[in-house]
Amino acid sequence: MDYVLTPGRYVGLVEEEDDFDFNERFTHLRAEFEGQLKEEEKLNKLILENLDKVTLI
């Protein structure tokens, strides 16, 4: 006998309205990522400046 473990076959699947706007989501994520890249650049510069202040004994 062939058994299938896919729940949808036995109980059905709920059909949901998809209100996902790809362009809006992508634009938001891209802007967030670009902001994080700028923050990374600022923090890397700050780290390097602080490392220059450390004196080795």
N, C-alpha and C. Protein backbone atom coordinates (compact mmCIF):
# COMPACT_ATOMS: atom_id res chain seq x y z
N MET A 1 0.84 -1.18 0.00
CA MET A 1 0.00 0.00 0.00
C MET A 1 0.89 1.24 0.00
N ASP A 2 0.48 2.27 -0.74
CA ASP A 2 1.24 3.52 -0.82
C ASP A 2 0.70 4.52 0.20
N TYR A 3 1.56 4.97 1.09
CA TYR A 3 1.17 5.95 2.09
C TYR A 3 1.76 7.30 1.72
N VAL A 4 1.00 8.35 1.96
CA VAL A 4 1.47 9.71 1.68
C VAL A 4 1.35 10.51 2.96
N LEU A 5 2.42 11.21 3.31
CA LEU A 5 2.44 11.97 4.56
C LEU A 5 2.16 13.46 4.34
N THR A 6 1.58 13.81 3.23
CA THR A 6 1.25 15.20 2.95
C THR A 6 -0.10 15.53 3.55
N PRO A 7 -0.15 16.43 4.55
CA PRO A 7 -1.41 16.72 5.23
C PRO A 7 -2.49 17.24 4.29
N GLY A 8 -2.12 18.01 3.28
CA GLY A 8 -3.10 18.58 2.38
C GLY A 8 -3.94 17.54 1.66
N ARG A 9 -3.41 16.40 1.49
CA ARG A 9 -4.14 15.34 0.80
C ARG A 9 -5.32 14.85 1.62
N TYR A 10 -5.22 14.93 2.93
CA TYR A 10 -6.25 14.38 3.80
C TYR A 10 -7.17 15.44 4.40
N VAL A 11 -6.63 16.62 4.68
CA VAL A 11 -7.44 17.63 5.37
C VAL A 11 -7.70 18.87 4.52
N GLY A 12 -7.08 18.97 3.38
CA GLY A 12 -7.26 20.15 2.53
C GLY A 12 -6.33 21.27 2.95
N LEU A 13 -6.21 22.24 2.11
CA LEU A 13 -5.35 23.38 2.38
C LEU A 13 -6.20 24.64 2.46
N VAL A 14 -5.82 25.51 3.36
CA VAL A 14 -6.52 26.78 3.49
C VAL A 14 -6.03 27.70 2.38
N GLU A 15 -6.96 28.24 1.63
CA GLU A 15 -6.58 29.20 0.60
C GLU A 15 -6.59 30.58 1.22
N GLU A 16 -5.44 31.24 1.16
CA GLU A 16 -5.31 32.56 1.75
C GLU A 16 -5.11 33.59 0.66
N GLU A 17 -5.63 34.76 0.90
CA GLU A 17 -5.44 35.88 -0.01
C GLU A 17 -3.99 36.34 0.13
N ASP A 18 -3.31 36.50 -0.98
CA ASP A 18 -1.91 36.93 -0.94
C ASP A 18 -1.86 38.43 -1.22
N ASP A 19 -1.62 39.21 -0.16
CA ASP A 19 -1.53 40.66 -0.33
C ASP A 19 -0.08 41.14 -0.27
N PHE A 20 0.83 40.26 -0.62
CA PHE A 20 2.26 40.55 -0.58
C PHE A 20 2.63 41.41 -1.78
N ASP A 21 3.22 42.58 -1.52
CA ASP A 21 3.67 43.47 -2.59
C ASP A 21 5.19 43.37 -2.68
N PHE A 22 5.65 42.63 -3.68
CA PHE A 22 7.08 42.37 -3.82
C PHE A 22 7.87 43.66 -3.96
N ASN A 23 7.43 44.57 -4.83
CA ASN A 23 8.19 45.80 -5.08
C ASN A 23 8.34 46.63 -3.81
N GLU A 24 7.27 46.74 -3.04
CA GLU A 24 7.33 47.51 -1.79
C GLU A 24 8.27 46.84 -0.80
N ARG A 25 8.15 45.54 -0.66
CA ARG A 25 9.00 44.80 0.29
C ARG A 25 10.46 44.86 -0.13
N PHE A 26 10.72 44.68 -1.42
CA PHE A 26 12.09 44.70 -1.92
C PHE A 26 12.72 46.08 -1.71
N THR A 27 11.95 47.13 -2.01
CA THR A 27 12.46 48.49 -1.84
C THR A 27 12.81 48.75 -0.38
N HIS A 28 11.94 48.31 0.52
CA HIS A 28 12.18 48.49 1.96
C HIS A 28 13.43 47.72 2.40
N LEU A 29 13.54 46.47 1.98
CA LEU A 29 14.69 45.66 2.38
C LEU A 29 15.99 46.20 1.81
N ARG A 30 15.94 46.70 0.58
CA ARG A 30 17.15 47.25 -0.04
C ARG A 30 17.61 48.50 0.71
N ALA A 31 16.66 49.38 1.05
CA ALA A 31 17.00 50.59 1.79
C ALA A 31 17.58 50.24 3.16
N GLU A 32 16.99 49.25 3.81
CA GLU A 32 17.50 48.82 5.11
C GLU A 32 18.91 48.26 4.98
N PHE A 33 19.15 47.46 3.95
CA PHE A 33 20.47 46.88 3.73
C PHE A 33 21.51 47.96 3.43
N GLU A 34 21.15 48.94 2.60
CA GLU A 34 22.08 50.02 2.29
C GLU A 34 22.42 50.82 3.54
N GLY A 35 21.44 51.02 4.41
CA GLY A 35 21.70 51.70 5.68
C GLY A 35 22.65 50.91 6.56
N GLN A 36 22.48 49.60 6.56
CA GLN A 36 23.37 48.74 7.34
C GLN A 36 24.79 48.76 6.78
N LEU A 37 24.93 48.83 5.47
CA LEU A 37 26.27 48.92 4.87
C LEU A 37 26.96 50.22 5.27
N LYS A 38 26.21 51.32 5.30
CA LYS A 38 26.79 52.60 5.71
C LYS A 38 27.19 52.55 7.18
N GLU A 39 26.34 51.94 8.00
CA GLU A 39 26.66 51.80 9.43
C GLU A 39 27.90 50.93 9.62
N GLU A 40 28.01 49.86 8.82
CA GLU A 40 29.18 48.98 8.90
C GLU A 40 30.45 49.75 8.57
N GLU A 41 30.39 50.56 7.53
CA GLU A 41 31.56 51.34 7.12
C GLU A 41 31.98 52.30 8.24
N LYS A 42 30.99 52.95 8.85
CA LYS A 42 31.27 53.89 9.95
C LYS A 42 31.89 53.16 11.14
N LEU A 43 31.32 52.00 11.49
CA LEU A 43 31.84 51.26 12.64
C LEU A 43 33.23 50.70 12.37
N ASN A 44 33.48 50.22 11.15
CA ASN A 44 34.82 49.72 10.82
C ASN A 44 35.86 50.82 10.93
N LYS A 45 35.51 52.02 10.48
CA LYS A 45 36.43 53.15 10.58
C LYS A 45 36.71 53.47 12.05
N LEU A 46 35.65 53.47 12.87
CA LEU A 46 35.80 53.75 14.29
C LEU A 46 36.68 52.69 14.98
N ILE A 47 36.49 51.45 14.62
CA ILE A 47 37.29 50.37 15.19
C ILE A 47 38.76 50.55 14.83
N LEU A 48 39.02 50.84 13.56
CA LEU A 48 40.41 51.04 13.14
C LEU A 48 41.05 52.23 13.85
N GLU A 49 40.29 53.32 14.03
CA GLU A 49 40.82 54.48 14.75
C GLU A 49 41.15 54.11 16.20
N ASN A 50 40.31 53.33 16.83
CA ASN A 50 40.56 52.93 18.21
C ASN A 50 41.72 51.95 18.31
N LEU A 51 41.87 51.08 17.32
CA LEU A 51 43.01 50.16 17.33
C LEU A 51 44.33 50.92 17.18
N ASP A 52 44.29 52.02 16.43
CA ASP A 52 45.51 52.83 16.28
C ASP A 52 45.92 53.45 17.60
N LYS A 53 44.98 53.68 18.50
CA LYS A 53 45.26 54.30 19.80
C LYS A 53 45.85 53.29 20.79
N VAL A 54 45.70 52.02 20.52
CA VAL A 54 46.20 50.99 21.44
C VAL A 54 47.71 50.88 21.24
N THR A 55 48.43 50.92 22.36
CA THR A 55 49.88 50.76 22.28
C THR A 55 50.24 49.36 22.77
N LEU A 56 51.12 48.74 22.06
CA LEU A 56 51.60 47.42 22.44
C LEU A 56 52.75 47.56 23.42
N ILE A 57 52.73 46.73 24.41
CA ILE A 57 53.78 46.80 25.46
C ILE A 57 54.91 45.85 25.12
